[in-house]
Protein backbone atom coordinates (compact mmCIF):
# COMPACT_ATOMS: atom_id res chain seq x y z
CA MET A 1 83.59 -71.63 50.44
CA SER A 2 81.76 -74.60 51.87
CA THR A 3 79.60 -76.88 49.79
CA SER A 4 76.03 -77.56 50.76
CA THR A 5 74.50 -81.02 50.93
CA VAL A 6 70.96 -79.66 51.08
CA SER A 7 68.61 -80.71 48.32
CA PRO A 8 67.36 -77.93 46.00
CA THR A 9 63.80 -78.29 47.31
CA GLU A 10 64.70 -77.96 51.00
CA TYR A 11 64.43 -74.45 52.45
CA VAL A 12 67.38 -73.37 54.55
CA PRO A 13 66.95 -69.94 56.14
CA ARG A 14 69.97 -67.68 55.85
CA HIS A 15 69.05 -64.79 58.10
CA LYS A 16 70.85 -63.04 60.92
CA PHE A 17 67.96 -63.68 63.29
CA PRO A 18 66.29 -67.00 64.22
CA VAL A 19 63.00 -68.05 62.66
CA LEU A 20 60.31 -68.19 65.35
CA ASP A 21 57.27 -69.14 63.28
CA THR A 22 56.72 -69.27 59.52
CA ASP A 23 52.94 -69.05 59.84
CA PRO A 24 52.09 -67.08 63.01
CA HIS A 25 48.52 -66.96 64.26
CA PHE A 26 46.72 -63.60 63.88
CA LYS A 27 46.29 -63.11 67.64
CA ARG A 28 49.94 -63.87 68.25
CA VAL A 29 51.15 -61.23 65.79
CA ILE A 30 48.82 -58.68 67.40
CA ARG A 31 49.96 -59.63 70.93
CA TYR A 32 53.64 -59.29 70.01
CA MET A 33 53.29 -55.90 68.26
CA ARG A 34 55.82 -53.31 69.34
CA SER A 35 55.19 -49.65 70.10
CA THR A 36 56.99 -48.76 66.85
CA ASP A 37 54.45 -50.82 64.92
CA LEU A 38 51.61 -49.03 66.68
CA ALA A 39 53.28 -45.66 65.97
CA ALA A 40 53.54 -46.55 62.26
CA TRP A 41 49.87 -47.57 62.28
CA LEU A 42 48.93 -44.26 63.91
CA GLY A 43 51.14 -42.38 61.46
CA PHE A 44 49.31 -43.89 58.50
CA THR A 45 45.92 -43.25 60.09
CA VAL A 46 46.73 -39.56 60.61
CA GLY A 47 48.98 -39.15 57.58
CA VAL A 48 46.52 -39.99 54.81
CA PRO A 49 43.86 -37.41 55.78
CA GLY A 50 46.71 -35.00 56.58
CA LEU A 51 47.99 -35.36 53.03
CA LEU A 52 44.46 -34.81 51.71
CA TYR A 53 44.23 -31.63 53.78
CA ALA A 54 47.64 -30.42 52.54
CA TRP A 55 46.57 -31.18 48.99
CA ASP A 56 43.38 -29.21 49.58
CA LEU A 57 45.36 -26.22 50.94
CA SER A 58 47.72 -26.24 47.98
CA ASP A 59 44.83 -26.13 45.51
CA ARG A 60 45.07 -22.94 43.45
CA ILE A 61 41.40 -22.78 42.54
CA PRO A 62 39.69 -20.58 45.15
CA VAL A 63 36.20 -21.96 44.51
CA ARG A 64 34.70 -23.30 47.76
CA HIS A 65 32.49 -26.07 46.41
CA ILE A 66 35.44 -27.77 44.72
CA LYS A 67 37.32 -28.14 48.02
CA THR A 68 37.59 -31.57 49.58
CA GLN A 69 34.43 -32.53 51.36
CA THR A 70 34.36 -33.92 54.88
CA ARG A 71 33.41 -37.41 53.75
CA PHE A 72 36.67 -37.68 51.82
CA TYR A 73 38.61 -37.00 55.01
CA GLY A 74 36.66 -39.82 56.65
CA LEU A 75 37.45 -42.12 53.74
CA GLY A 76 41.11 -41.07 53.90
CA THR A 77 41.18 -41.82 57.63
CA TRP A 78 39.67 -45.27 57.03
CA LEU A 79 42.16 -46.06 54.24
CA GLY A 80 45.03 -44.84 56.42
CA PHE A 81 43.78 -46.97 59.33
CA CYS A 82 43.57 -50.12 57.16
CA GLY A 83 46.87 -49.49 55.38
CA GLY A 84 48.62 -48.72 58.66
CA PHE A 85 47.29 -51.91 60.22
CA LEU A 86 48.50 -54.02 57.29
CA MET A 87 51.94 -52.41 57.47
CA ALA A 88 52.18 -52.91 61.26
CA TYR A 89 51.03 -56.54 60.89
CA GLU A 90 53.57 -57.20 58.15
CA ARG A 91 56.41 -55.74 60.24
CA GLY A 92 55.45 -58.05 63.13
CA ALA A 93 55.16 -61.10 60.87
CA ASN A 94 58.58 -60.34 59.37
CA ARG A 95 60.08 -60.51 62.85
CA PHE A 96 58.58 -64.00 63.31
CA LEU A 97 60.31 -65.04 60.08
CA GLY A 98 63.64 -63.68 61.33
CA TRP A 99 63.83 -61.03 58.63
CA SER A 100 64.34 -58.26 61.18
CA GLU A 101 65.58 -58.02 64.76
CA ASN A 102 63.41 -60.24 66.99
CA GLU A 103 65.13 -60.51 70.37
CA ARG A 104 62.05 -59.25 72.23
CA GLU A 105 59.84 -61.78 70.44
CA GLN A 106 62.28 -64.59 71.30
CA LYS A 107 62.02 -63.74 75.00
CA MET A 108 58.23 -63.42 74.88
CA GLN A 109 57.90 -66.74 73.03
CA HIS A 110 60.22 -68.50 75.47
CA GLU A 111 58.21 -67.22 78.45
CA GLU A 112 54.90 -68.10 76.80
CA PHE A 113 55.97 -71.62 75.78
CA THR A 114 57.55 -72.29 79.19
CA GLN A 115 54.32 -71.36 80.93
CA ILE A 116 52.24 -73.53 78.56
CA ALA A 117 54.61 -76.51 78.93
CA ARG A 118 54.54 -76.26 82.72
CA SER A 119 50.76 -76.38 82.69
CA GLY A 120 50.92 -79.62 80.67
CA ARG A 121 49.21 -78.33 77.53
CA PRO A 122 50.57 -78.75 73.99
CA ILE A 123 52.80 -75.81 73.07
CA TRP A 124 51.08 -74.98 69.77
CA GLY A 125 47.59 -75.66 71.10
CA GLU A 126 45.06 -78.28 70.15
CA SER A 127 43.15 -78.22 66.90
CA THR A 128 39.75 -79.75 66.25
CA ILE A 129 40.18 -79.39 62.49
CA GLN A 130 40.96 -82.44 60.35
CA PRO A 131 44.62 -82.75 59.30
CA TRP A 132 43.99 -82.29 55.58
CA ILE A 133 42.10 -79.02 56.25
CA GLN A 134 44.98 -77.89 58.48
CA THR A 135 47.35 -78.58 55.60
CA VAL A 136 45.25 -76.51 53.20
CA ALA A 137 44.95 -73.66 55.71
CA HIS A 138 48.69 -73.75 56.36
CA HIS A 139 49.57 -73.64 52.67
CA ASN A 140 47.14 -70.76 52.08
CA SER A 141 48.33 -68.60 54.97
CA GLN A 142 52.08 -69.24 55.08
CA PHE A 143 53.91 -66.10 53.84
CA ALA A 144 50.49 -64.56 53.07
CA HIS A 145 51.51 -61.30 54.72
CA LEU A 146 53.84 -60.73 51.77
CA LYS A 147 50.83 -60.64 49.43
CA PHE A 148 48.79 -57.94 51.21
CA SER A 149 48.87 -55.84 48.03
CA THR A 150 46.74 -58.52 46.37
CA ILE A 151 44.51 -59.72 49.21
CA PRO A 152 44.79 -59.39 52.99
CA TRP A 153 44.97 -62.97 54.26
CA PHE A 154 45.61 -63.93 57.86
CA ASN A 155 46.13 -67.19 59.74
CA PHE A 156 43.16 -67.81 62.05
CA VAL A 157 43.77 -71.59 62.36
CA LYS A 158 45.63 -73.26 65.22
CA PHE A 159 47.66 -76.14 63.85
CA SER A 160 48.62 -79.31 65.63
CA LEU A 161 52.05 -79.77 64.12
CA SER A 162 51.62 -83.49 63.47
CA PHE A 163 50.71 -82.90 59.82
CA LEU A 164 53.71 -80.73 58.86
């Protein structure tokens, strides 16, 4: 067993897949979504009102006015849509962290960064925000997709990596 010379405060990823971005931008996660993510999103959107309907059918009380009203199916669809989106977003963000297979994302990122570098622009984009605000935004949004059960928080800030 090898000994590590890394300090206790330094993070060393130990994953099977490479880390692409620890704080991916919202648009980037959406652009890189896979069809399986979209299928899971659709499954949640259809599944929640479907479960409400199945629950309504299994109800033993034959009284009509107690049955689930149409507005509850609409609410169930909305909750399924939001929950499915959060799950699909989290799956995509986990691939950026290297927590699941991300070969497709590696190729897409390589092509995207190559095209940006050839055009002479900075790879991570330019930011007009002051560095200390970028630092605050980065600290608030990094790993935020793991806390969706508390509050949905996304990264909408483009960072110029000089402050990290």
